[in-house]
Amino acid sequence: MTGVESPAYVPGHGLLKGRTAVVTAAAGAGIGGATARRFLEEGARVLISDAHARRLKEYEAELAGEFEGVSALACDVTDEAQVQALFDTAVRQHGRLDIVVNNAGLGGTSALADMSDEQWSKVLDVTLNGTFRCTRAALRAFREGGQGGGHEGRHGGVIVNNASVVGWRAQAGQAHYAAAKAGVMALTRCAAIEAAEHGVRVNAVSPSLAMHPHLVKVTTPELLEELTAREAFGRYAEPWEVANVIVFLASGYSSYMTGEIVSVSSQHA
């Protein structure tokens, strides 16, 4: 099947003007990096984080050459002290916190029968537990008044988690990653119910196939070809196409949505 060409890049419209955001796993060319760029284009101030300090500083310098209001702090989401320092820094730098994007995740491919406890635990700790730690820190910051408010209800704040279609659909070799992403979906729904009384919204995106350099390194060409063939458009998503949906969920355009998992996919039904 011949793939449909990627659409033209959508310019910013000031949808997040004056807002402060934290984006995890935002170094480089993946969904996190694209989200940070899109947020800046939409007028937000953005604190980017990543466990890879060198790549993080390089991307901070790249963004700072184009935008004002970008800063960076290395953070390993498996370390509670580093997570708390990240959120404390966001509030201290800007006096408020409006948006949190939990993008950090770790994949891999292994048959379940051959998977070690270490492989299982490492993926779950980054992908699910890391999202839990950051969600908890964000909810505490919102509850304690470290957010701008005014846009999202009585107090305000938005959390957008990055899930995956494998949280719904089976894929061989992905038991640990699928279990973690299904957990992210359940965490999103439960957090949304608890946060609603504070005017905080919690949603998630669920991408199918977004291409970036790291994916190429950890996925065989044969599997990438197979996954691409499943897409109705015959192509993978550009990371910024997923980031556009994250912008929507972070903005006032989705003010009545919480606890929702939005599929960003063209996979055949």
C-alpha atoms as a PDB file:
ATOM      1  CA  MET A   1       0.000   0.000   0.000  1.00  0.00           C
ATOM      2  CA  THR A   2       1.300   3.426  -0.913  1.00  0.00           C
ATOM      3  CA  GLY A   3       1.466   5.738   2.075  1.00  0.00           C
ATOM      4  CA  VAL A   4      -0.303   9.051   2.250  1.00  0.00           C
ATOM      5  CA  GLU A   5       2.135  11.954   2.547  1.00  0.00           C
ATOM      6  CA  SER A   6       2.494  13.676   5.898  1.00  0.00           C
ATOM      7  CA  PRO A   7       0.390  16.841   6.177  1.00  0.00           C
ATOM      8  CA  ALA A   8       1.815  20.342   6.386  1.00  0.00           C
ATOM      9  CA  TYR A   9       3.047  21.425   9.804  1.00  0.00           C
ATOM     10  CA  VAL A  10       0.348  23.335  11.705  1.00  0.00           C
ATOM     11  CA  PRO A  11       1.443  26.773  13.006  1.00  0.00           C
ATOM     12  CA  GLY A  12       0.818  27.880  16.575  1.00  0.00           C
ATOM     13  CA  HIS A  13      -2.280  29.822  17.562  1.00  0.00           C
ATOM     14  CA  GLY A  14      -1.434  30.964  21.102  1.00  0.00           C
ATOM     15  CA  LEU A  15      -3.582  28.238  22.687  1.00  0.00           C
ATOM     16  CA  LEU A  16      -1.320  27.963  25.746  1.00  0.00           C
ATOM     17  CA  LYS A  17      -0.258  31.584  26.111  1.00  0.00           C
ATOM     18  CA  GLY A  18       0.871  32.414  29.629  1.00  0.00           C
ATOM     19  CA  ARG A  19       0.790  28.812  30.822  1.00  0.00           C
ATOM     20  CA  THR A  20       3.659  26.937  32.483  1.00  0.00           C
ATOM     21  CA  ALA A  21       4.283  23.302  31.553  1.00  0.00           C
ATOM     22  CA  VAL A  22       6.536  20.412  32.543  1.00  0.00           C
ATOM     23  CA  VAL A  23       7.267  17.808  29.866  1.00  0.00           C
ATOM     24  CA  THR A  24       9.166  14.632  30.771  1.00  0.00           C
ATOM     25  CA  ALA A  25      11.377  12.631  28.392  1.00  0.00           C
ATOM     26  CA  ALA A  26      11.583  15.726  26.202  1.00  0.00           C
ATOM     27  CA  ALA A  27      15.139  15.501  24.871  1.00  0.00           C
ATOM     28  CA  GLY A  28      15.462  14.761  21.196  1.00  0.00           C
ATOM     29  CA  ALA A  29      13.158  14.044  18.289  1.00  0.00           C
ATOM     30  CA  GLY A  30      10.404  11.949  19.873  1.00  0.00           C
ATOM     31  CA  ILE A  31       6.926  12.827  21.108  1.00  0.00           C
ATOM     32  CA  GLY A  32       8.256  14.615  24.212  1.00  0.00           C
ATOM     33  CA  GLY A  33      10.565  16.866  22.220  1.00  0.00           C
ATOM     34  CA  ALA A  34       7.826  17.601  19.697  1.00  0.00           C
ATOM     35  CA  THR A  35       5.414  18.416  22.519  1.00  0.00           C
ATOM     36  CA  ALA A  36       7.844  20.847  24.134  1.00  0.00           C
ATOM     37  CA  ARG A  37       8.312  22.624  20.804  1.00  0.00           C
ATOM     38  CA  ARG A  38       4.568  22.746  20.108  1.00  0.00           C
ATOM     39  CA  PHE A  39       3.897  24.136  23.606  1.00  0.00           C
ATOM     40  CA  LEU A  40       6.445  26.898  23.053  1.00  0.00           C
ATOM     41  CA  GLU A  41       4.891  27.674  19.680  1.00  0.00           C
ATOM     42  CA  GLU A  42       1.542  27.948  21.453  1.00  0.00           C
ATOM     43  CA  GLY A  43       2.914  30.505  23.925  1.00  0.00           C
ATOM     44  CA  ALA A  44       3.686  28.380  26.983  1.00  0.00           C
ATOM     45  CA  ARG A  45       6.736  28.486  29.242  1.00  0.00           C
ATOM     46  CA  VAL A  46       8.213  24.986  29.307  1.00  0.00           C
ATOM     47  CA  LEU A  47      10.484  23.133  31.713  1.00  0.00           C
ATOM     48  CA  ILE A  48      11.761  20.088  29.853  1.00  0.00           C
ATOM     49  CA  SER A  49      13.273  17.080  31.582  1.00  0.00           C
ATOM     50  CA  ASP A  50      14.916  13.821  30.586  1.00  0.00           C
ATOM     51  CA  ALA A  51      17.128  11.186  32.171  1.00  0.00           C
ATOM     52  CA  HIS A  52      19.774  11.841  29.478  1.00  0.00           C
ATOM     53  CA  ALA A  53      21.407  15.035  30.746  1.00  0.00           C
ATOM     54  CA  ARG A  54      23.651  15.670  27.714  1.00  0.00           C
ATOM     55  CA  ARG A  55      20.883  15.305  25.151  1.00  0.00           C
ATOM     56  CA  LEU A  56      18.624  17.398  27.363  1.00  0.00           C
ATOM     57  CA  LYS A  57      21.071  20.321  27.467  1.00  0.00           C
ATOM     58  CA  GLU A  58      21.576  20.112  23.705  1.00  0.00           C
ATOM     59  CA  TYR A  59      17.840  20.274  23.081  1.00  0.00           C
ATOM     60  CA  GLU A  60      17.404  23.075  25.597  1.00  0.00           C
ATOM     61  CA  ALA A  61      20.032  25.088  23.722  1.00  0.00           C
ATOM     62  CA  GLU A  62      18.303  24.366  20.400  1.00  0.00           C
ATOM     63  CA  LEU A  63      14.902  25.499  21.694  1.00  0.00           C
ATOM     64  CA  ALA A  64      16.345  28.501  23.533  1.00  0.00           C
ATOM     65  CA  GLY A  65      17.787  29.703  20.228  1.00  0.00           C
ATOM     66  CA  GLU A  66      14.226  29.962  18.871  1.00  0.00           C
ATOM     67  CA  PHE A  67      11.993  30.646  21.874  1.00  0.00           C
ATOM     68  CA  GLU A  68      11.884  32.422  25.198  1.00  0.00           C
ATOM     69  CA  GLY A  69      10.627  30.682  28.314  1.00  0.00           C
ATOM     70  CA  VAL A  70      12.385  27.322  28.003  1.00  0.00           C
ATOM     71  CA  SER A  71      14.460  25.711  30.750  1.00  0.00           C
ATOM     72  CA  ALA A  72      15.654  22.195  31.529  1.00  0.00           C
ATOM     73  CA  LEU A  73      16.333  19.932  34.496  1.00  0.00           C
ATOM     74  CA  ALA A  74      17.557  16.345  34.287  1.00  0.00           C
ATOM     75  CA  CYS A  75      15.174  13.916  35.955  1.00  0.00           C
ATOM     76  CA  ASP A  76      15.039  10.143  36.251  1.00  0.00           C
ATOM     77  CA  VAL A  77      11.363   9.361  36.871  1.00  0.00           C
ATOM     78  CA  THR A  78      12.307   6.220  38.812  1.00  0.00           C
ATOM     79  CA  ASP A  79      13.860   8.460  41.498  1.00  0.00           C
ATOM     80  CA  GLU A  80      11.309  10.129  43.771  1.00  0.00           C
ATOM     81  CA  ALA A  81      13.735  12.812  44.954  1.00  0.00           C
ATOM     82  CA  GLN A  82      14.490  13.866  41.366  1.00  0.00           C
ATOM     83  CA  VAL A  83      10.786  13.922  40.501  1.00  0.00           C
ATOM     84  CA  GLN A  84      10.002  16.172  43.453  1.00  0.00           C
ATOM     85  CA  ALA A  85      12.911  18.450  42.579  1.00  0.00           C
ATOM     86  CA  LEU A  86      11.541  18.792  39.037  1.00  0.00           C
ATOM     87  CA  PHE A  87       8.134  19.993  40.202  1.00  0.00           C
ATOM     88  CA  ASP A  88       9.577  22.204  42.928  1.00  0.00           C
ATOM     89  CA  THR A  89      11.785  23.843  40.297  1.00  0.00           C
ATOM     90  CA  ALA A  90       8.847  24.499  37.965  1.00  0.00           C
ATOM     91  CA  VAL A  91       6.864  26.257  40.680  1.00  0.00           C
ATOM     92  CA  ARG A  92       9.897  28.152  41.980  1.00  0.00           C
ATOM     93  CA  GLN A  93      10.928  29.394  38.532  1.00  0.00           C
ATOM     94  CA  HIS A  94       7.501  30.516  37.405  1.00  0.00           C
ATOM     95  CA  GLY A  95       5.391  30.751  40.555  1.00  0.00           C
ATOM     96  CA  ARG A  96       2.833  28.424  39.002  1.00  0.00           C
ATOM     97  CA  LEU A  97       2.316  25.126  37.267  1.00  0.00           C
ATOM     98  CA  ASP A  98      -0.489  24.659  34.742  1.00  0.00           C
ATOM     99  CA  ILE A  99       0.294  21.629  32.585  1.00  0.00           C
ATOM    100  CA  VAL A 100       2.180  18.365  33.077  1.00  0.00           C
ATOM    101  CA  VAL A 101       2.910  15.941  30.241  1.00  0.00           C
ATOM    102  CA  ASN A 102       4.026  12.518  31.449  1.00  0.00           C
ATOM    103  CA  ASN A 103       5.832  11.220  28.398  1.00  0.00           C
ATOM    104  CA  ALA A 104       8.594   9.120  29.979  1.00  0.00           C
ATOM    105  CA  GLY A 105       8.409   5.467  29.029  1.00  0.00           C
ATOM    106  CA  LEU A 106      10.619   2.507  28.275  1.00  0.00           C
ATOM    107  CA  GLY A 107       9.957  -0.263  25.767  1.00  0.00           C
ATOM    108  CA  GLY A 108      11.717  -3.365  24.546  1.00  0.00           C
ATOM    109  CA  THR A 109      10.915  -6.672  22.905  1.00  0.00           C
ATOM    110  CA  SER A 110      11.005 -10.014  24.654  1.00  0.00           C
ATOM    111  CA  ALA A 111       8.928 -13.165  24.577  1.00  0.00           C
ATOM    112  CA  LEU A 112       7.091 -13.532  27.869  1.00  0.00           C
ATOM    113  CA  ALA A 113       8.451 -17.019  28.510  1.00  0.00           C
ATOM    114  CA  ASP A 114      11.998 -15.697  28.188  1.00  0.00           C
ATOM    115  CA  MET A 115      11.488 -12.368  29.974  1.00  0.00           C
ATOM    116  CA  SER A 116      13.479 -11.822  33.155  1.00  0.00           C
ATOM    117  CA  ASP A 117      12.150 -10.186  36.307  1.00  0.00           C
ATOM    118  CA  GLU A 118      14.626  -7.376  35.678  1.00  0.00           C
ATOM    119  CA  GLN A 119      13.281  -6.715  32.162  1.00  0.00           C
ATOM    120  CA  TRP A 120       9.700  -6.694  33.427  1.00  0.00           C
ATOM    121  CA  SER A 121      10.410  -4.483  36.436  1.00  0.00           C
ATOM    122  CA  LYS A 122      12.529  -1.943  34.555  1.00  0.00           C
ATOM    123  CA  VAL A 123       9.820  -1.270  31.951  1.00  0.00           C
ATOM    124  CA  LEU A 124       7.101  -1.073  34.622  1.00  0.00           C
ATOM    125  CA  ASP A 125       9.176   1.211  36.848  1.00  0.00           C
ATOM    126  CA  VAL A 126       9.843   3.803  34.136  1.00  0.00           C
ATOM    127  CA  THR A 127       6.591   3.598  32.207  1.00  0.00           C
ATOM    128  CA  LEU A 128       3.952   3.065  34.897  1.00  0.00           C
ATOM    129  CA  ASN A 129       5.588   3.893  38.217  1.00  0.00           C
ATOM    130  CA  GLY A 130       7.277   6.954  36.714  1.00  0.00           C
ATOM    131  CA  THR A 131       3.924   8.226  35.480  1.00  0.00           C
ATOM    132  CA  PHE A 132       2.492   7.584  38.938  1.00  0.00           C
ATOM    133  CA  ARG A 133       5.287   9.506  40.667  1.00  0.00           C
ATOM    134  CA  CYS A 134       4.942  12.505  38.351  1.00  0.00           C
ATOM    135  CA  THR A 135       1.147  12.471  38.526  1.00  0.00           C
ATOM    136  CA  ARG A 136       1.297  12.397  42.314  1.00  0.00           C
ATOM    137  CA  ALA A 137       3.754  15.299  42.394  1.00  0.00           C
ATOM    138  CA  ALA A 138       1.631  17.293  39.952  1.00  0.00           C
ATOM    139  CA  LEU A 139      -1.582  16.731  41.921  1.00  0.00           C
ATOM    140  CA  ARG A 140       0.139  17.844  45.104  1.00  0.00           C
ATOM    141  CA  ALA A 141       1.440  20.968  43.390  1.00  0.00           C
ATOM    142  CA  PHE A 142      -2.005  21.780  42.021  1.00  0.00           C
ATOM    143  CA  ARG A 143      -3.675  21.099  45.378  1.00  0.00           C
ATOM    144  CA  GLU A 144      -1.196  23.226  47.284  1.00  0.00           C
ATOM    145  CA  GLY A 145      -1.745  26.215  45.037  1.00  0.00           C
ATOM    146  CA  GLY A 146       1.331  26.008  42.815  1.00  0.00           C
ATOM    147  CA  GLN A 147      -0.736  26.508  39.669  1.00  0.00           C
ATOM    148  CA  GLY A 148      -2.108  29.398  37.718  1.00  0.00           C
ATOM    149  CA  GLY A 149      -5.736  28.397  37.809  1.00  0.00           C
ATOM    150  CA  GLY A 150      -8.537  30.382  36.274  1.00  0.00           C
ATOM    151  CA  HIS A 151      -8.647  28.298  33.091  1.00  0.00           C
ATOM    152  CA  GLU A 152      -9.641  24.883  34.384  1.00  0.00           C
ATOM    153  CA  GLY A 153     -12.140  25.334  37.208  1.00  0.00           C
ATOM    154  CA  ARG A 154     -11.913  26.191  40.890  1.00  0.00           C
ATOM    155  CA  HIS A 155      -8.179  25.603  41.124  1.00  0.00           C
ATOM    156  CA  GLY A 156      -6.972  24.279  37.791  1.00  0.00           C
ATOM    157  CA  GLY A 157      -4.283  22.294  36.138  1.00  0.00           C
ATOM    158  CA  VAL A 158      -4.002  19.702  33.401  1.00  0.00           C
ATOM    159  CA  ILE A 159      -2.156  16.395  33.222  1.00  0.00           C
ATOM    160  CA  VAL A 160      -1.692  14.565  29.914  1.00  0.00           C
ATOM    161  CA  ASN A 161      -0.219  11.066  30.028  1.00  0.00           C
ATOM    162  CA  ASN A 162       1.293   9.160  27.121  1.00  0.00           C
ATOM    163  CA  ALA A 163      -0.232   5.690  26.792  1.00  0.00           C
ATOM    164  CA  SER A 164      -0.192   3.417  23.729  1.00  0.00           C
ATOM    165  CA  VAL A 165      -2.558   1.380  21.601  1.00  0.00           C
ATOM    166  CA  VAL A 166      -0.807  -1.741  22.909  1.00  0.00           C
ATOM    167  CA  GLY A 167      -2.581  -1.020  26.196  1.00  0.00           C
ATOM    168  CA  TRP A 168      -5.698  -2.122  24.272  1.00  0.00           C
ATOM    169  CA  ARG A 169      -4.342  -4.405  21.543  1.00  0.00           C
ATOM    170  CA  ALA A 170      -2.118  -7.458  21.789  1.00  0.00           C
ATOM    171  CA  GLN A 171       1.374  -7.465  20.288  1.00  0.00           C
ATOM    172  CA  ALA A 172       3.867 -10.299  20.643  1.00  0.00           C
ATOM    173  CA  GLY A 173       6.974  -9.494  22.650  1.00  0.00           C
ATOM    174  CA  GLN A 174       5.357  -6.496  24.349  1.00  0.00           C
ATOM    175  CA  ALA A 175       3.789  -7.986  27.485  1.00  0.00           C
ATOM    176  CA  HIS A 176       5.724  -5.721  29.879  1.00  0.00           C
ATOM    177  CA  TYR A 177       5.171  -2.561  27.825  1.00  0.00           C
ATOM    178  CA  ALA A 178       1.507  -3.362  27.162  1.00  0.00           C
ATOM    179  CA  ALA A 179       0.867  -4.036  30.848  1.00  0.00           C
ATOM    180  CA  ALA A 180       2.552  -0.762  31.784  1.00  0.00           C
ATOM    181  CA  LYS A 181       0.585   1.267  29.227  1.00  0.00           C
ATOM    182  CA  ALA A 182      -2.704  -0.374  30.250  1.00  0.00           C
ATOM    183  CA  GLY A 183      -1.779   0.648  33.776  1.00  0.00           C
ATOM    184  CA  VAL A 184      -1.205   4.224  32.607  1.00  0.00           C
ATOM    185  CA  MET A 185      -4.715   4.219  31.155  1.00  0.00           C
ATOM    186  CA  ALA A 186      -6.250   2.976  34.424  1.00  0.00           C
ATOM    187  CA  LEU A 187      -4.160   5.442  36.437  1.00  0.00           C
ATOM    188  CA  THR A 188      -5.376   8.260  34.187  1.00  0.00           C
ATOM    189  CA  ARG A 189      -9.035   7.397  34.779  1.00  0.00           C
ATOM    190  CA  CYS A 190      -8.683   7.039  38.556  1.00  0.00           C
ATOM    191  CA  ALA A 191      -6.584  10.187  38.917  1.00  0.00           C
ATOM    192  CA  ALA A 192      -9.160  12.123  36.898  1.00  0.00           C
ATOM    193  CA  ILE A 193     -11.960  11.193  39.310  1.00  0.00           C
ATOM    194  CA  GLU A 194      -9.900  12.187  42.350  1.00  0.00           C
ATOM    195  CA  ALA A 195      -8.669  15.432  40.782  1.00  0.00           C
ATOM    196  CA  ALA A 196     -12.025  16.664  39.498  1.00  0.00           C
ATOM    197  CA  GLU A 197     -13.016  18.349  42.756  1.00  0.00           C
ATOM    198  CA  HIS A 198      -9.957  20.576  42.404  1.00  0.00           C
ATOM    199  CA  GLY A 199     -10.777  21.503  38.813  1.00  0.00           C
ATOM    200  CA  VAL A 200      -7.825  19.441  37.557  1.00  0.00           C
ATOM    201  CA  ARG A 201      -8.219  17.447  34.352  1.00  0.00           C
ATOM    202  CA  VAL A 202      -6.304  14.235  33.620  1.00  0.00           C
ATOM    203  CA  ASN A 203      -6.360  12.660  30.149  1.00  0.00           C
ATOM    204  CA  ALA A 204      -4.065  10.561  27.990  1.00  0.00           C
ATOM    205  CA  VAL A 205      -3.085  10.072  24.381  1.00  0.00           C
ATOM    206  CA  SER A 206      -2.714   6.589  22.952  1.00  0.00           C
ATOM    207  CA  PRO A 207      -0.479   6.647  19.842  1.00  0.00           C
ATOM    208  CA  SER A 208      -0.080   3.676  17.534  1.00  0.00           C
ATOM    209  CA  LEU A 209       3.106   4.360  15.564  1.00  0.00           C
ATOM    210  CA  ALA A 210       5.037   7.624  15.777  1.00  0.00           C
ATOM    211  CA  MET A 211       8.448   7.498  14.151  1.00  0.00           C
ATOM    212  CA  HIS A 212      11.590   8.802  15.856  1.00  0.00           C
ATOM    213  CA  PRO A 213      15.272   7.824  15.889  1.00  0.00           C
ATOM    214  CA  HIS A 214      15.090   5.805  19.135  1.00  0.00           C
ATOM    215  CA  LEU A 215      12.306   3.612  17.742  1.00  0.00           C
ATOM    216  CA  VAL A 216      14.426   2.799  14.708  1.00  0.00           C
ATOM    217  CA  LYS A 217      17.250   1.639  16.991  1.00  0.00           C
ATOM    218  CA  VAL A 218      15.122  -0.757  19.060  1.00  0.00           C
ATOM    219  CA  THR A 219      12.779  -2.079  16.340  1.00  0.00           C
ATOM    220  CA  THR A 220      13.601  -4.322  13.390  1.00  0.00           C
ATOM    221  CA  PRO A 221      12.877  -3.048   9.864  1.00  0.00           C
ATOM    222  CA  GLU A 222      10.535  -6.020   9.387  1.00  0.00           C
ATOM    223  CA  LEU A 223       8.430  -5.095  12.426  1.00  0.00           C
ATOM    224  CA  LEU A 224       8.325  -1.422  11.442  1.00  0.00           C
ATOM    225  CA  GLU A 225       7.105  -2.442   7.984  1.00  0.00           C
ATOM    226  CA  GLU A 226       4.434  -4.661   9.536  1.00  0.00           C
ATOM    227  CA  LEU A 227       3.269  -1.948  11.944  1.00  0.00           C
ATOM    228  CA  THR A 228       3.169   0.660   9.190  1.00  0.00           C
ATOM    229  CA  ALA A 229       1.054  -1.646   7.026  1.00  0.00           C
ATOM    230  CA  ARG A 230      -1.584  -1.716   9.773  1.00  0.00           C
ATOM    231  CA  GLU A 231      -2.120   2.020   9.450  1.00  0.00           C
ATOM    232  CA  ALA A 232      -4.958   3.156   7.190  1.00  0.00           C
ATOM    233  CA  PHE A 233      -2.811   6.010   5.892  1.00  0.00           C
ATOM    234  CA  GLY A 234       0.015   3.601   5.081  1.00  0.00           C
ATOM    235  CA  ARG A 235       2.492   5.686   7.052  1.00  0.00           C
ATOM    236  CA  TYR A 236       3.598   6.319  10.620  1.00  0.00           C
ATOM    237  CA  ALA A 237       2.628   9.460  12.510  1.00  0.00           C
ATOM    238  CA  GLU A 238       5.049  12.330  12.800  1.00  0.00           C
ATOM    239  CA  PRO A 239       5.753  13.021  16.496  1.00  0.00           C
ATOM    240  CA  TRP A 240       4.292  16.526  16.107  1.00  0.00           C
ATOM    241  CA  GLU A 241       0.992  15.009  15.013  1.00  0.00           C
ATOM    242  CA  VAL A 242       0.726  13.313  18.408  1.00  0.00           C
ATOM    243  CA  ALA A 243       1.906  16.532  20.068  1.00  0.00           C
ATOM    244  CA  ASN A 244      -0.973  18.402  18.402  1.00  0.00           C
ATOM    245  CA  VAL A 245      -3.455  16.198  20.251  1.00  0.00           C
ATOM    246  CA  ILE A 246      -1.558  16.774  23.495  1.00  0.00           C
ATOM    247  CA  VAL A 247      -1.865  20.532  22.877  1.00  0.00           C
ATOM    248  CA  PHE A 248      -5.618  20.073  22.434  1.00  0.00           C
ATOM    249  CA  LEU A 249      -5.907  18.152  25.715  1.00  0.00           C
ATOM    250  CA  ALA A 250      -3.790  20.759  27.512  1.00  0.00           C
ATOM    251  CA  SER A 251      -5.826  23.661  26.184  1.00  0.00           C
ATOM    252  CA  GLY A 252      -9.215  25.107  27.007  1.00  0.00           C
ATOM    253  CA  TYR A 253     -10.640  23.461  23.887  1.00  0.00           C
ATOM    254  CA  SER A 254     -10.932  20.209  25.871  1.00  0.00           C
ATOM    255  CA  SER A 255     -12.343  21.797  29.041  1.00  0.00           C
ATOM    256  CA  TYR A 256     -15.078  19.163  29.484  1.00  0.00           C
ATOM    257  CA  MET A 257     -12.790  16.161  29.002  1.00  0.00           C
ATOM    258  CA  THR A 258     -11.257  14.228  31.872  1.00  0.00           C
ATOM    259  CA  GLY A 259     -10.401  10.572  32.371  1.00  0.00           C
ATOM    260  CA  GLU A 260     -10.347  10.059  28.595  1.00  0.00           C
ATOM    261  CA  ILE A 261      -7.848   8.051  26.556  1.00  0.00           C
ATOM    262  CA  VAL A 262      -7.617   9.577  23.079  1.00  0.00           C
ATOM    263  CA  SER A 263      -6.367   7.247  20.369  1.00  0.00           C
ATOM    264  CA  VAL A 264      -3.929   8.937  17.985  1.00  0.00           C
ATOM    265  CA  SER A 265      -3.935   6.254  15.353  1.00  0.00           C
ATOM    266  CA  SER A 266      -5.000   5.389  11.829  1.00  0.00           C
ATOM    267  CA  GLN A 267      -4.961   1.650  12.474  1.00  0.00           C
ATOM    268  CA  HIS A 268      -7.637  -0.358  10.721  1.00  0.00           C
ATOM    269  CA  ALA A 269     -10.604  -1.188  12.968  1.00  0.00           C
END
